[in-house]
């Protein structure tokens, strides 16, 4: 069973009220990144950051995938997962309401087992718990993991 870690869009132009998520994700990468067969970090390229590199996370094994829409599951991601014979994806990052959910559904449709790292999720809205509730319903409680980060009180 080969496993990938996919962290979406932890970039300086997206943090805002979610600045707590960057150090939690970086700490998890530092401590656990080498345990994964593949590490993928996404960088959402949009009109405001077109010529800038705003991605904050770093890891020696990381593959950076640029995306231009909500879902991180694009052709480049598909090739990385296939080439590395990945069957399970641990998913974390910004924005749990849109990007993480869209990516989760696309990965499920493509046949991957998806597990979400609940403590490494952030949402632009103050209602991020709703997206986690959806993830629990779709994936099952056993696939919403409490790995990474400490408990965050909001």
C-alpha atoms as a PDB file:
ATOM      1  CA  UNK A   1       0.000   0.000   0.000  1.00  0.00           C
ATOM      2  CA  UNK A   2       1.656   3.220  -1.160  1.00  0.00           C
ATOM      3  CA  UNK A   3       0.668   6.501   0.396  1.00  0.00           C
ATOM      4  CA  UNK A   4       0.894  10.141  -0.686  1.00  0.00           C
ATOM      5  CA  UNK A   5       0.610  13.317   1.351  1.00  0.00           C
ATOM      6  CA  UNK A   6      -1.186  16.099  -0.498  1.00  0.00           C
ATOM      7  CA  UNK A   7      -1.317  19.570   1.096  1.00  0.00           C
ATOM      8  CA  UNK A   8      -3.216  22.211  -0.830  1.00  0.00           C
ATOM      9  CA  UNK A   9      -2.478  25.909  -1.218  1.00  0.00           C
ATOM     10  CA  UNK A  10      -0.546  26.885   1.922  1.00  0.00           C
ATOM     11  CA  UNK A  11       0.615  30.127   0.365  1.00  0.00           C
ATOM     12  CA  UNK A  12       1.191  33.653   1.645  1.00  0.00           C
ATOM     13  CA  UNK A  13      -1.581  35.199  -0.427  1.00  0.00           C
ATOM     14  CA  UNK A  14      -4.208  32.863   1.081  1.00  0.00           C
ATOM     15  CA  UNK A  15      -3.474  32.826   4.817  1.00  0.00           C
ATOM     16  CA  UNK A  16      -5.455  35.776   6.197  1.00  0.00           C
ATOM     17  CA  UNK A  17      -7.295  34.529   9.293  1.00  0.00           C
ATOM     18  CA  UNK A  18      -5.785  31.072   8.754  1.00  0.00           C
ATOM     19  CA  UNK A  19      -2.156  31.915   9.540  1.00  0.00           C
ATOM     20  CA  UNK A  20      -2.092  29.171  12.208  1.00  0.00           C
ATOM     21  CA  UNK A  21      -2.227  26.462   9.524  1.00  0.00           C
ATOM     22  CA  UNK A  22       1.173  27.206   7.979  1.00  0.00           C
ATOM     23  CA  UNK A  23       3.349  26.275  11.004  1.00  0.00           C
ATOM     24  CA  UNK A  24       1.188  23.211  11.735  1.00  0.00           C
ATOM     25  CA  UNK A  25       1.571  21.906   8.182  1.00  0.00           C
ATOM     26  CA  UNK A  26       5.299  22.684   8.066  1.00  0.00           C
ATOM     27  CA  UNK A  27       5.862  20.898  11.387  1.00  0.00           C
ATOM     28  CA  UNK A  28       3.960  17.848  10.121  1.00  0.00           C
ATOM     29  CA  UNK A  29       6.005  17.864   6.903  1.00  0.00           C
ATOM     30  CA  UNK A  30       9.249  18.103   8.883  1.00  0.00           C
ATOM     31  CA  UNK A  31       8.308  15.244  11.210  1.00  0.00           C
ATOM     32  CA  UNK A  32       6.330  12.933   8.920  1.00  0.00           C
ATOM     33  CA  UNK A  33       7.030  13.845   5.291  1.00  0.00           C
ATOM     34  CA  UNK A  34       9.681  11.156   4.838  1.00  0.00           C
ATOM     35  CA  UNK A  35       7.173   8.455   5.853  1.00  0.00           C
ATOM     36  CA  UNK A  36       5.210   9.039   2.633  1.00  0.00           C
ATOM     37  CA  UNK A  37       5.992   7.503  -0.732  1.00  0.00           C
ATOM     38  CA  UNK A  38       5.077  10.802  -2.380  1.00  0.00           C
ATOM     39  CA  UNK A  39       4.671  14.368  -1.077  1.00  0.00           C
ATOM     40  CA  UNK A  40       2.708  16.867  -3.142  1.00  0.00           C
ATOM     41  CA  UNK A  41       2.221  20.560  -2.388  1.00  0.00           C
ATOM     42  CA  UNK A  42      -0.118  22.593  -4.550  1.00  0.00           C
ATOM     43  CA  UNK A  43       0.257  26.231  -5.497  1.00  0.00           C
ATOM     44  CA  UNK A  44      -2.836  27.938  -6.838  1.00  0.00           C
ATOM     45  CA  UNK A  45      -1.837  30.323  -9.593  1.00  0.00           C
ATOM     46  CA  UNK A  46      -4.397  33.068 -10.020  1.00  0.00           C
ATOM     47  CA  UNK A  47      -4.564  36.575 -11.470  1.00  0.00           C
ATOM     48  CA  UNK A  48      -3.148  38.329  -8.379  1.00  0.00           C
ATOM     49  CA  UNK A  49      -0.095  36.050  -7.959  1.00  0.00           C
ATOM     50  CA  UNK A  50       0.537  35.173 -11.610  1.00  0.00           C
ATOM     51  CA  UNK A  51       4.281  35.901 -11.566  1.00  0.00           C
ATOM     52  CA  UNK A  52       4.959  35.242  -7.886  1.00  0.00           C
ATOM     53  CA  UNK A  53       5.896  32.166  -5.935  1.00  0.00           C
ATOM     54  CA  UNK A  54       3.731  32.445  -2.813  1.00  0.00           C
ATOM     55  CA  UNK A  55       3.927  28.813  -1.652  1.00  0.00           C
ATOM     56  CA  UNK A  56       5.175  28.671   1.941  1.00  0.00           C
ATOM     57  CA  UNK A  57       5.782  24.970   2.638  1.00  0.00           C
ATOM     58  CA  UNK A  58       9.046  23.205   1.901  1.00  0.00           C
ATOM     59  CA  UNK A  59      10.191  19.598   2.001  1.00  0.00           C
ATOM     60  CA  UNK A  60      13.057  17.849   0.172  1.00  0.00           C
ATOM     61  CA  UNK A  61      10.705  15.192  -1.260  1.00  0.00           C
ATOM     62  CA  UNK A  62       7.983  17.660  -2.261  1.00  0.00           C
ATOM     63  CA  UNK A  63       6.595  17.847  -5.762  1.00  0.00           C
ATOM     64  CA  UNK A  64       4.993  21.234  -6.351  1.00  0.00           C
ATOM     65  CA  UNK A  65       1.943  21.123  -8.593  1.00  0.00           C
ATOM     66  CA  UNK A  66       0.521  24.362  -9.924  1.00  0.00           C
ATOM     67  CA  UNK A  67      -3.226  24.498 -10.255  1.00  0.00           C
ATOM     68  CA  UNK A  68      -5.652  26.997 -11.675  1.00  0.00           C
ATOM     69  CA  UNK A  69      -8.966  25.827 -10.218  1.00  0.00           C
ATOM     70  CA  UNK A  70     -10.430  24.454  -7.020  1.00  0.00           C
ATOM     71  CA  UNK A  71      -9.513  20.799  -7.398  1.00  0.00           C
ATOM     72  CA  UNK A  72      -5.866  19.807  -7.110  1.00  0.00           C
ATOM     73  CA  UNK A  73      -6.518  16.679  -9.167  1.00  0.00           C
ATOM     74  CA  UNK A  74      -5.243  17.813 -12.555  1.00  0.00           C
ATOM     75  CA  UNK A  75      -3.226  16.036 -15.261  1.00  0.00           C
ATOM     76  CA  UNK A  76       0.097  16.612 -13.484  1.00  0.00           C
ATOM     77  CA  UNK A  77      -1.280  15.275 -10.195  1.00  0.00           C
ATOM     78  CA  UNK A  78      -2.804  12.266 -11.948  1.00  0.00           C
ATOM     79  CA  UNK A  79       0.564  11.409 -13.527  1.00  0.00           C
ATOM     80  CA  UNK A  80       2.448  11.761 -10.221  1.00  0.00           C
ATOM     81  CA  UNK A  81      -0.001   9.466  -8.425  1.00  0.00           C
ATOM     82  CA  UNK A  82       0.023   6.895 -11.222  1.00  0.00           C
ATOM     83  CA  UNK A  83       3.816   6.941 -11.723  1.00  0.00           C
ATOM     84  CA  UNK A  84       4.343   6.388  -7.995  1.00  0.00           C
ATOM     85  CA  UNK A  85       1.658   3.659  -7.812  1.00  0.00           C
ATOM     86  CA  UNK A  86      -0.190   5.475  -5.025  1.00  0.00           C
ATOM     87  CA  UNK A  87      -3.427   3.999  -3.697  1.00  0.00           C
ATOM     88  CA  UNK A  88      -4.004   6.097  -0.553  1.00  0.00           C
ATOM     89  CA  UNK A  89      -3.876   9.885  -0.289  1.00  0.00           C
ATOM     90  CA  UNK A  90      -3.657  11.833   2.974  1.00  0.00           C
ATOM     91  CA  UNK A  91      -5.248  15.194   2.248  1.00  0.00           C
ATOM     92  CA  UNK A  92      -4.809  18.510   4.102  1.00  0.00           C
ATOM     93  CA  UNK A  93      -4.623  22.252   3.482  1.00  0.00           C
ATOM     94  CA  UNK A  94      -6.608  25.333   2.528  1.00  0.00           C
ATOM     95  CA  UNK A  95      -9.603  25.685   1.802  1.00  0.00           C
ATOM     96  CA  UNK A  96     -11.560  22.843   3.355  1.00  0.00           C
ATOM     97  CA  UNK A  97     -14.852  24.224   2.027  1.00  0.00           C
ATOM     98  CA  UNK A  98     -13.791  24.257  -1.614  1.00  0.00           C
ATOM     99  CA  UNK A  99     -10.343  22.991  -2.624  1.00  0.00           C
ATOM    100  CA  UNK A 100     -10.064  20.110  -0.170  1.00  0.00           C
ATOM    101  CA  UNK A 101     -13.629  18.934  -0.805  1.00  0.00           C
ATOM    102  CA  UNK A 102     -13.295  19.239  -4.608  1.00  0.00           C
ATOM    103  CA  UNK A 103      -9.988  17.367  -4.533  1.00  0.00           C
ATOM    104  CA  UNK A 104     -11.411  14.701  -2.214  1.00  0.00           C
ATOM    105  CA  UNK A 105     -14.307  14.003  -4.581  1.00  0.00           C
ATOM    106  CA  UNK A 106     -12.041  13.894  -7.653  1.00  0.00           C
ATOM    107  CA  UNK A 107      -9.639  11.491  -5.942  1.00  0.00           C
ATOM    108  CA  UNK A 108     -12.522   9.255  -4.864  1.00  0.00           C
ATOM    109  CA  UNK A 109     -13.911   9.271  -8.412  1.00  0.00           C
ATOM    110  CA  UNK A 110     -10.462   8.241  -9.673  1.00  0.00           C
ATOM    111  CA  UNK A 111     -10.431   5.245  -7.303  1.00  0.00           C
ATOM    112  CA  UNK A 112      -8.071   6.428  -4.570  1.00  0.00           C
ATOM    113  CA  UNK A 113      -8.587   5.818  -0.873  1.00  0.00           C
ATOM    114  CA  UNK A 114      -8.711   9.283   0.713  1.00  0.00           C
ATOM    115  CA  UNK A 115      -7.988  10.079   4.337  1.00  0.00           C
ATOM    116  CA  UNK A 116      -8.246  13.655   5.574  1.00  0.00           C
ATOM    117  CA  UNK A 117      -5.875  15.094   8.194  1.00  0.00           C
ATOM    118  CA  UNK A 118      -8.463  17.026  10.194  1.00  0.00           C
ATOM    119  CA  UNK A 119      -6.007  19.081  12.252  1.00  0.00           C
ATOM    120  CA  UNK A 120      -4.286  20.287   9.110  1.00  0.00           C
ATOM    121  CA  UNK A 121      -7.372  21.781   7.464  1.00  0.00           C
ATOM    122  CA  UNK A 122      -8.293  25.450   7.301  1.00  0.00           C
ATOM    123  CA  UNK A 123     -11.260  27.326   5.904  1.00  0.00           C
ATOM    124  CA  UNK A 124     -11.827  30.892   4.761  1.00  0.00           C
ATOM    125  CA  UNK A 125     -15.266  30.752   6.328  1.00  0.00           C
ATOM    126  CA  UNK A 126     -15.859  30.439  10.031  1.00  0.00           C
ATOM    127  CA  UNK A 127     -17.908  27.353   9.255  1.00  0.00           C
ATOM    128  CA  UNK A 128     -15.110  24.983   8.285  1.00  0.00           C
ATOM    129  CA  UNK A 129     -16.562  22.371  10.625  1.00  0.00           C
ATOM    130  CA  UNK A 130     -19.327  21.869   8.061  1.00  0.00           C
ATOM    131  CA  UNK A 131     -16.867  20.679   5.427  1.00  0.00           C
ATOM    132  CA  UNK A 132     -15.320  18.284   7.951  1.00  0.00           C
ATOM    133  CA  UNK A 133     -18.809  16.973   8.712  1.00  0.00           C
ATOM    134  CA  UNK A 134     -19.322  16.307   4.996  1.00  0.00           C
ATOM    135  CA  UNK A 135     -15.934  14.560   4.824  1.00  0.00           C
ATOM    136  CA  UNK A 136     -16.890  12.357   7.784  1.00  0.00           C
ATOM    137  CA  UNK A 137     -20.189  11.464   6.124  1.00  0.00           C
ATOM    138  CA  UNK A 138     -18.595  10.645   2.750  1.00  0.00           C
ATOM    139  CA  UNK A 139     -15.358   8.997   3.933  1.00  0.00           C
ATOM    140  CA  UNK A 140     -16.439   7.570   7.300  1.00  0.00           C
ATOM    141  CA  UNK A 141     -15.048   8.556  10.698  1.00  0.00           C
ATOM    142  CA  UNK A 142     -12.142   6.132  10.307  1.00  0.00           C
ATOM    143  CA  UNK A 143     -10.839   8.169   7.353  1.00  0.00           C
ATOM    144  CA  UNK A 144     -10.862  11.554   9.092  1.00  0.00           C
ATOM    145  CA  UNK A 145      -7.581  11.342  10.979  1.00  0.00           C
ATOM    146  CA  UNK A 146      -6.348  13.454  13.884  1.00  0.00           C
ATOM    147  CA  UNK A 147      -2.729  13.359  12.710  1.00  0.00           C
ATOM    148  CA  UNK A 148      -0.656  16.500  12.655  1.00  0.00           C
ATOM    149  CA  UNK A 149      -0.860  19.638  14.708  1.00  0.00           C
ATOM    150  CA  UNK A 150      -2.255  20.144  18.132  1.00  0.00           C
ATOM    151  CA  UNK A 151      -5.828  20.910  18.845  1.00  0.00           C
ATOM    152  CA  UNK A 152      -6.768  24.325  17.477  1.00  0.00           C
ATOM    153  CA  UNK A 153      -9.356  26.355  19.351  1.00  0.00           C
ATOM    154  CA  UNK A 154     -11.212  28.811  17.149  1.00  0.00           C
END
